[in-house]
């Protein structure tokens, strides 16, 4: 899955949790489901530059769809 938007990397990394499941917050994917760093459950890019490279690695341009929620104007100035 590819996400984009305001502060999306920070938001996604909060949902994902710290790399080490022992350090990941309860309620995060790694905090609730992770057991070991070596058996990582999920990956999230750490910066826009790495996201660009990683998206290109795993997805073809034809697989990416632009989508904008109808409520966007109510959420952002």
PDB file of N, CA and C in Angstrom:
ATOM      1  N   UNK A   1       0.845  -1.162   0.000  1.00  0.00           N
ATOM      2  CA  UNK A   1       0.000   0.000   0.000  1.00  0.00           C
ATOM      3  C   UNK A   1       0.898   1.235   0.000  1.00  0.00           C
ATOM      4  N   UNK A   2       0.495   2.217  -0.748  1.00  0.00           N
ATOM      5  CA  UNK A   2       1.230   3.475  -0.807  1.00  0.00           C
ATOM      6  C   UNK A   2       0.307   4.580  -0.314  1.00  0.00           C
ATOM      7  N   UNK A   3       0.779   5.334   0.662  1.00  0.00           N
ATOM      8  CA  UNK A   3       0.013   6.457   1.195  1.00  0.00           C
ATOM      9  C   UNK A   3       0.735   7.740   0.877  1.00  0.00           C
ATOM     10  N   UNK A   4      -0.006   8.824   0.732  1.00  0.00           N
ATOM     11  CA  UNK A   4       0.595  10.141   0.611  1.00  0.00           C
ATOM     12  C   UNK A   4      -0.313  11.136   1.308  1.00  0.00           C
ATOM     13  N   UNK A   5       0.280  12.221   1.748  1.00  0.00           N
ATOM     14  CA  UNK A   5      -0.497  13.260   2.401  1.00  0.00           C
ATOM     15  C   UNK A   5       0.330  13.982   3.447  1.00  0.00           C
ATOM     16  N   UNK A   6      -0.302  14.948   4.063  1.00  0.00           N
ATOM     17  CA  UNK A   6       0.362  15.785   5.063  1.00  0.00           C
ATOM     18  C   UNK A   6       0.806  14.937   6.269  1.00  0.00           C
ATOM     19  N   UNK A   7       2.101  14.970   6.572  1.00  0.00           N
ATOM     20  CA  UNK A   7       2.691  14.242   7.704  1.00  0.00           C
ATOM     21  C   UNK A   7       2.417  12.741   7.666  1.00  0.00           C
ATOM     22  N   UNK A   8       2.257  12.179   6.477  1.00  0.00           N
ATOM     23  CA  UNK A   8       1.872  10.774   6.363  1.00  0.00           C
ATOM     24  C   UNK A   8       2.961   9.821   6.856  1.00  0.00           C
ATOM     25  N   UNK A   9       4.225  10.172   6.676  1.00  0.00           N
ATOM     26  CA  UNK A   9       5.296   9.278   7.129  1.00  0.00           C
ATOM     27  C   UNK A   9       5.277   9.175   8.651  1.00  0.00           C
ATOM     28  N   UNK A  10       5.194  10.290   9.337  1.00  0.00           N
ATOM     29  CA  UNK A  10       5.144  10.270  10.796  1.00  0.00           C
ATOM     30  C   UNK A  10       3.895   9.543  11.296  1.00  0.00           C
ATOM     31  N   UNK A  11       2.761   9.807  10.672  1.00  0.00           N
ATOM     32  CA  UNK A  11       1.514   9.163  11.084  1.00  0.00           C
ATOM     33  C   UNK A  11       1.586   7.652  10.878  1.00  0.00           C
ATOM     34  N   UNK A  12       2.088   7.229   9.725  1.00  0.00           N
ATOM     35  CA  UNK A  12       2.193   5.799   9.440  1.00  0.00           C
ATOM     36  C   UNK A  12       3.158   5.127  10.404  1.00  0.00           C
ATOM     37  N   UNK A  13       4.262   5.776  10.702  1.00  0.00           N
ATOM     38  CA  UNK A  13       5.245   5.174  11.607  1.00  0.00           C
ATOM     39  C   UNK A  13       4.680   5.054  13.028  1.00  0.00           C
ATOM     40  N   UNK A  14       3.779   5.933  13.423  1.00  0.00           N
ATOM     41  CA  UNK A  14       3.096   5.778  14.717  1.00  0.00           C
ATOM     42  C   UNK A  14       2.186   4.558  14.713  1.00  0.00           C
ATOM     43  N   UNK A  15       1.477   4.351  13.621  1.00  0.00           N
ATOM     44  CA  UNK A  15       0.597   3.190  13.496  1.00  0.00           C
ATOM     45  C   UNK A  15       1.418   1.898  13.463  1.00  0.00           C
ATOM     46  N   UNK A  16       2.542   1.933  12.754  1.00  0.00           N
ATOM     47  CA  UNK A  16       3.402   0.758  12.605  1.00  0.00           C
ATOM     48  C   UNK A  16       4.095   0.412  13.919  1.00  0.00           C
ATOM     49  N   UNK A  17       4.655   1.402  14.609  1.00  0.00           N
ATOM     50  CA  UNK A  17       5.382   1.166  15.856  1.00  0.00           C
ATOM     51  C   UNK A  17       6.881   1.084  15.636  1.00  0.00           C
ATOM     52  N   UNK A  18       7.618   1.140  16.735  1.00  0.00           N
ATOM     53  CA  UNK A  18       9.080   1.070  16.683  1.00  0.00           C
ATOM     54  C   UNK A  18       9.539  -0.245  16.060  1.00  0.00           C
ATOM     55  N   UNK A  19      10.718  -0.218  15.436  1.00  0.00           N
ATOM     56  CA  UNK A  19      11.260  -1.402  14.767  1.00  0.00           C
ATOM     57  C   UNK A  19      11.362  -2.598  15.712  1.00  0.00           C
ATOM     58  N   UNK A  20      11.822  -2.345  16.911  1.00  0.00           N
ATOM     59  CA  UNK A  20      11.916  -3.419  17.903  1.00  0.00           C
ATOM     60  C   UNK A  20      10.554  -3.558  18.582  1.00  0.00           C
ATOM     61  N   UNK A  21       9.880  -4.692  18.426  1.00  0.00           N
ATOM     62  CA  UNK A  21       8.553  -4.865  19.009  1.00  0.00           C
ATOM     63  C   UNK A  21       8.508  -4.643  20.524  1.00  0.00           C
ATOM     64  N   UNK A  22       9.608  -4.911  21.208  1.00  0.00           N
ATOM     65  CA  UNK A  22       9.666  -4.694  22.650  1.00  0.00           C
ATOM     66  C   UNK A  22       9.531  -3.201  22.982  1.00  0.00           C
ATOM     67  N   UNK A  23      10.005  -2.354  22.086  1.00  0.00           N
ATOM     68  CA  UNK A  23       9.947  -0.907  22.288  1.00  0.00           C
ATOM     69  C   UNK A  23       8.714  -0.262  21.658  1.00  0.00           C
ATOM     70  N   UNK A  24       7.972  -1.018  20.867  1.00  0.00           N
ATOM     71  CA  UNK A  24       6.819  -0.466  20.152  1.00  0.00           C
ATOM     72  C   UNK A  24       5.652  -0.227  21.107  1.00  0.00           C
ATOM     73  N   UNK A  25       4.953   0.862  20.886  1.00  0.00           N
ATOM     74  CA  UNK A  25       3.827   1.227  21.746  1.00  0.00           C
ATOM     75  C   UNK A  25       2.675   0.231  21.623  1.00  0.00           C
ATOM     76  N   UNK A  26       2.002  -0.057  22.742  1.00  0.00           N
ATOM     77  CA  UNK A  26       0.787  -0.867  22.661  1.00  0.00           C
ATOM     78  C   UNK A  26      -0.210  -0.190  21.727  1.00  0.00           C
ATOM     79  N   UNK A  27      -0.898  -0.970  20.950  1.00  0.00           N
ATOM     80  CA  UNK A  27      -1.841  -0.431  19.977  1.00  0.00           C
ATOM     81  C   UNK A  27      -1.248  -0.266  18.594  1.00  0.00           C
ATOM     82  N   UNK A  28       0.080  -0.278  18.498  1.00  0.00           N
ATOM     83  CA  UNK A  28       0.717  -0.227  17.179  1.00  0.00           C
ATOM     84  C   UNK A  28       0.783  -1.648  16.615  1.00  0.00           C
ATOM     85  N   UNK A  29       0.984  -1.775  15.315  1.00  0.00           N
ATOM     86  CA  UNK A  29       1.048  -3.091  14.683  1.00  0.00           C
ATOM     87  C   UNK A  29       2.169  -3.921  15.295  1.00  0.00           C
ATOM     88  N   UNK A  30       3.361  -3.353  15.372  1.00  0.00           N
ATOM     89  CA  UNK A  30       4.486  -4.095  15.940  1.00  0.00           C
ATOM     90  C   UNK A  30       4.328  -4.303  17.441  1.00  0.00           C
ATOM     91  N   UNK A  31       3.759  -3.335  18.138  1.00  0.00           N
ATOM     92  CA  UNK A  31       3.567  -3.465  19.574  1.00  0.00           C
ATOM     93  C   UNK A  31       2.589  -4.571  19.934  1.00  0.00           C
ATOM     94  N   UNK A  32       1.558  -4.742  19.138  1.00  0.00           N
ATOM     95  CA  UNK A  32       0.549  -5.756  19.421  1.00  0.00           C
ATOM     96  C   UNK A  32       0.853  -7.116  18.797  1.00  0.00           C
ATOM     97  N   UNK A  33       1.530  -7.112  17.650  1.00  0.00           N
ATOM     98  CA  UNK A  33       1.685  -8.357  16.900  1.00  0.00           C
ATOM     99  C   UNK A  33       3.130  -8.808  16.702  1.00  0.00           C
ATOM    100  N   UNK A  34       4.085  -7.907  16.935  1.00  0.00           N
ATOM    101  CA  UNK A  34       5.486  -8.236  16.698  1.00  0.00           C
ATOM    102  C   UNK A  34       6.066  -9.103  17.801  1.00  0.00           C
ATOM    103  N   UNK A  35       7.043  -9.928  17.429  1.00  0.00           N
ATOM    104  CA  UNK A  35       7.722 -10.794  18.380  1.00  0.00           C
ATOM    105  C   UNK A  35       9.222 -10.552  18.331  1.00  0.00           C
ATOM    106  N   UNK A  36       9.749 -10.322  17.129  1.00  0.00           N
ATOM    107  CA  UNK A  36      11.187 -10.248  16.938  1.00  0.00           C
ATOM    108  C   UNK A  36      11.518  -9.259  15.830  1.00  0.00           C
ATOM    109  N   UNK A  37      12.631  -8.557  15.974  1.00  0.00           N
ATOM    110  CA  UNK A  37      13.085  -7.650  14.915  1.00  0.00           C
ATOM    111  C   UNK A  37      13.325  -8.430  13.629  1.00  0.00           C
ATOM    112  N   UNK A  38      13.867  -9.637  13.755  1.00  0.00           N
ATOM    113  CA  UNK A  38      14.202 -10.457  12.592  1.00  0.00           C
ATOM    114  C   UNK A  38      12.999 -10.921  11.803  1.00  0.00           C
ATOM    115  N   UNK A  39      11.841 -10.945  12.415  1.00  0.00           N
ATOM    116  CA  UNK A  39      10.603 -11.340  11.731  1.00  0.00           C
ATOM    117  C   UNK A  39       9.668 -10.147  11.672  1.00  0.00           C
ATOM    118  N   UNK A  40      10.136  -9.122  10.968  1.00  0.00           N
ATOM    119  CA  UNK A  40       9.419  -7.869  10.891  1.00  0.00           C
ATOM    120  C   UNK A  40       8.083  -8.053  10.181  1.00  0.00           C
ATOM    121  N   UNK A  41       7.037  -7.507  10.733  1.00  0.00           N
ATOM    122  CA  UNK A  41       5.688  -7.654  10.190  1.00  0.00           C
ATOM    123  C   UNK A  41       5.357  -6.696   9.059  1.00  0.00           C
ATOM    124  N   UNK A  42       5.989  -5.535   9.079  1.00  0.00           N
ATOM    125  CA  UNK A  42       5.550  -4.438   8.215  1.00  0.00           C
ATOM    126  C   UNK A  42       6.715  -3.493   7.977  1.00  0.00           C
ATOM    127  N   UNK A  43       6.669  -2.794   6.875  1.00  0.00           N
ATOM    128  CA  UNK A  43       7.708  -1.812   6.586  1.00  0.00           C
ATOM    129  C   UNK A  43       7.059  -0.466   6.316  1.00  0.00           C
ATOM    130  N   UNK A  44       7.730   0.585   6.772  1.00  0.00           N
ATOM    131  CA  UNK A  44       7.306   1.947   6.472  1.00  0.00           C
ATOM    132  C   UNK A  44       8.525   2.783   6.160  1.00  0.00           C
ATOM    133  N   UNK A  45       8.460   3.529   5.103  1.00  0.00           N
ATOM    134  CA  UNK A  45       9.582   4.396   4.720  1.00  0.00           C
ATOM    135  C   UNK A  45       9.824   5.448   5.795  1.00  0.00           C
ATOM    136  N   UNK A  46      11.087   5.869   5.910  1.00  0.00           N
ATOM    137  CA  UNK A  46      11.445   6.832   6.949  1.00  0.00           C
ATOM    138  C   UNK A  46      11.603   8.262   6.436  1.00  0.00           C
ATOM    139  N   UNK A  47      11.520   8.461   5.132  1.00  0.00           N
ATOM    140  CA  UNK A  47      11.675   9.798   4.551  1.00  0.00           C
ATOM    141  C   UNK A  47      11.084   9.795   3.141  1.00  0.00           C
ATOM    142  N   UNK A  48      10.709  10.973   2.641  1.00  0.00           N
ATOM    143  CA  UNK A  48      10.148  11.037   1.283  1.00  0.00           C
ATOM    144  C   UNK A  48      11.078  10.447   0.215  1.00  0.00           C
ATOM    145  N   UNK A  49      12.386  10.667   0.374  1.00  0.00           N
ATOM    146  CA  UNK A  49      13.336  10.157  -0.629  1.00  0.00           C
ATOM    147  C   UNK A  49      13.370   8.634  -0.637  1.00  0.00           C
ATOM    148  N   UNK A  50      13.390   8.020   0.537  1.00  0.00           N
ATOM    149  CA  UNK A  50      13.393   6.550   0.575  1.00  0.00           C
ATOM    150  C   UNK A  50      12.041   6.013   0.126  1.00  0.00           C
ATOM    151  N   UNK A  51      10.969   6.721   0.427  1.00  0.00           N
ATOM    152  CA  UNK A  51       9.646   6.287  -0.025  1.00  0.00           C
ATOM    153  C   UNK A  51       9.580   6.239  -1.542  1.00  0.00           C
ATOM    154  N   UNK A  52      10.109   7.243  -2.197  1.00  0.00           N
ATOM    155  CA  UNK A  52      10.112   7.270  -3.660  1.00  0.00           C
ATOM    156  C   UNK A  52      10.833   6.054  -4.226  1.00  0.00           C
ATOM    157  N   UNK A  53      12.007   5.749  -3.683  1.00  0.00           N
ATOM    158  CA  UNK A  53      12.778   4.587  -4.152  1.00  0.00           C
ATOM    159  C   UNK A  53      12.056   3.280  -3.847  1.00  0.00           C
ATOM    160  N   UNK A  54      11.472   3.166  -2.654  1.00  0.00           N
ATOM    161  CA  UNK A  54      10.810   1.918  -2.263  1.00  0.00           C
ATOM    162  C   UNK A  54       9.507   1.701  -3.033  1.00  0.00           C
ATOM    163  N   UNK A  55       8.771   2.747  -3.279  1.00  0.00           N
ATOM    164  CA  UNK A  55       7.552   2.612  -4.087  1.00  0.00           C
ATOM    165  C   UNK A  55       7.917   2.117  -5.491  1.00  0.00           C
ATOM    166  N   UNK A  56       8.953   2.694  -6.083  1.00  0.00           N
ATOM    167  CA  UNK A  56       9.393   2.276  -7.421  1.00  0.00           C
ATOM    168  C   UNK A  56       9.879   0.834  -7.420  1.00  0.00           C
ATOM    169  N   UNK A  57      10.426   0.374  -6.303  1.00  0.00           N
ATOM    170  CA  UNK A  57      10.921  -0.999  -6.202  1.00  0.00           C
ATOM    171  C   UNK A  57       9.783  -2.014  -6.211  1.00  0.00           C
ATOM    172  N   UNK A  58       8.681  -1.695  -5.548  1.00  0.00           N
ATOM    173  CA  UNK A  58       7.618  -2.672  -5.339  1.00  0.00           C
ATOM    174  C   UNK A  58       6.375  -2.471  -6.191  1.00  0.00           C
ATOM    175  N   UNK A  59       6.208  -1.285  -6.789  1.00  0.00           N
ATOM    176  CA  UNK A  59       4.983  -1.004  -7.532  1.00  0.00           C
ATOM    177  C   UNK A  59       5.290  -0.475  -8.916  1.00  0.00           C
ATOM    178  N   UNK A  60       4.505  -0.901  -9.891  1.00  0.00           N
ATOM    179  CA  UNK A  60       4.555  -0.345 -11.234  1.00  0.00           C
ATOM    180  C   UNK A  60       3.690   0.912 -11.242  1.00  0.00           C
ATOM    181  N   UNK A  61       4.063   1.876 -12.030  1.00  0.00           N
ATOM    182  CA  UNK A  61       3.318   3.141 -12.103  1.00  0.00           C
ATOM    183  C   UNK A  61       1.832   2.899 -12.375  1.00  0.00           C
ATOM    184  N   UNK A  62       1.515   1.876 -13.167  1.00  0.00           N
ATOM    185  CA  UNK A  62       0.117   1.594 -13.502  1.00  0.00           C
ATOM    186  C   UNK A  62      -0.680   1.085 -12.296  1.00  0.00           C
ATOM    187  N   UNK A  63      -0.011   0.675 -11.237  1.00  0.00           N
ATOM    188  CA  UNK A  63      -0.686   0.179 -10.038  1.00  0.00           C
ATOM    189  C   UNK A  63      -1.036   1.296  -9.051  1.00  0.00           C
ATOM    190  N   UNK A  64      -0.515   2.478  -9.286  1.00  0.00           N
ATOM    191  CA  UNK A  64      -0.748   3.596  -8.379  1.00  0.00           C
ATOM    192  C   UNK A  64      -1.927   4.432  -8.872  1.00  0.00           C
ATOM    193  N   UNK A  65      -2.803   4.775  -7.960  1.00  0.00           N
ATOM    194  CA  UNK A  65      -4.013   5.516  -8.294  1.00  0.00           C
ATOM    195  C   UNK A  65      -4.058   6.783  -7.459  1.00  0.00           C
ATOM    196  N   UNK A  66      -4.299   7.918  -8.098  1.00  0.00           N
ATOM    197  CA  UNK A  66      -4.506   9.158  -7.364  1.00  0.00           C
ATOM    198  C   UNK A  66      -5.929   9.167  -6.832  1.00  0.00           C
ATOM    199  N   UNK A  67      -6.047   9.477  -5.567  1.00  0.00           N
ATOM    200  CA  UNK A  67      -7.351   9.526  -4.922  1.00  0.00           C
ATOM    201  C   UNK A  67      -7.354  10.666  -3.938  1.00  0.00           C
ATOM    202  N   UNK A  68      -8.405  11.413  -3.914  1.00  0.00           N
ATOM    203  CA  UNK A  68      -8.527  12.524  -2.982  1.00  0.00           C
ATOM    204  C   UNK A  68      -9.876  12.418  -2.285  1.00  0.00           C
ATOM    205  N   UNK A  69      -9.877  12.356  -0.953  1.00  0.00           N
ATOM    206  CA  UNK A  69     -11.163  12.255  -0.255  1.00  0.00           C
ATOM    207  C   UNK A  69     -11.999  13.510  -0.440  1.00  0.00           C
ATOM    208  N   UNK A  70     -13.280  13.339  -0.542  1.00  0.00           N
ATOM    209  CA  UNK A  70     -14.179  14.467  -0.749  1.00  0.00           C
ATOM    210  C   UNK A  70     -14.136  15.415   0.446  1.00  0.00           C
ATOM    211  N   UNK A  71     -13.787  14.926   1.614  1.00  0.00           N
ATOM    212  CA  UNK A  71     -13.743  15.761   2.830  1.00  0.00           C
ATOM    213  C   UNK A  71     -12.426  16.508   3.009  1.00  0.00           C
ATOM    214  N   UNK A  72     -11.522  16.394   2.066  1.00  0.00           N
ATOM    215  CA  UNK A  72     -10.201  17.010   2.186  1.00  0.00           C
ATOM    216  C   UNK A  72     -10.286  18.502   2.515  1.00  0.00           C
ATOM    217  N   UNK A  73     -11.169  19.218   1.860  1.00  0.00           N
ATOM    218  CA  UNK A  73     -11.282  20.665   2.090  1.00  0.00           C
ATOM    219  C   UNK A  73     -11.748  20.973   3.521  1.00  0.00           C
ATOM    220  N   UNK A  74     -12.374  20.012   4.170  1.00  0.00           N
ATOM    221  CA  UNK A  74     -12.826  20.195   5.558  1.00  0.00           C
ATOM    222  C   UNK A  74     -11.710  19.855   6.557  1.00  0.00           C
ATOM    223  N   UNK A  75     -10.716  19.100   6.099  1.00  0.00           N
ATOM    224  CA  UNK A  75      -9.653  18.643   7.002  1.00  0.00           C
ATOM    225  C   UNK A  75      -8.410  19.522   6.977  1.00  0.00           C
ATOM    226  N   UNK A  76      -8.116  20.120   5.829  1.00  0.00           N
ATOM    227  CA  UNK A  76      -6.884  20.879   5.663  1.00  0.00           C
ATOM    228  C   UNK A  76      -7.178  22.291   5.195  1.00  0.00           C
ATOM    229  N   UNK A  77      -6.356  23.229   5.657  1.00  0.00           N
ATOM    230  CA  UNK A  77      -6.498  24.615   5.211  1.00  0.00           C
ATOM    231  C   UNK A  77      -5.689  24.839   3.957  1.00  0.00           C
TER     232      UNK A  77
END
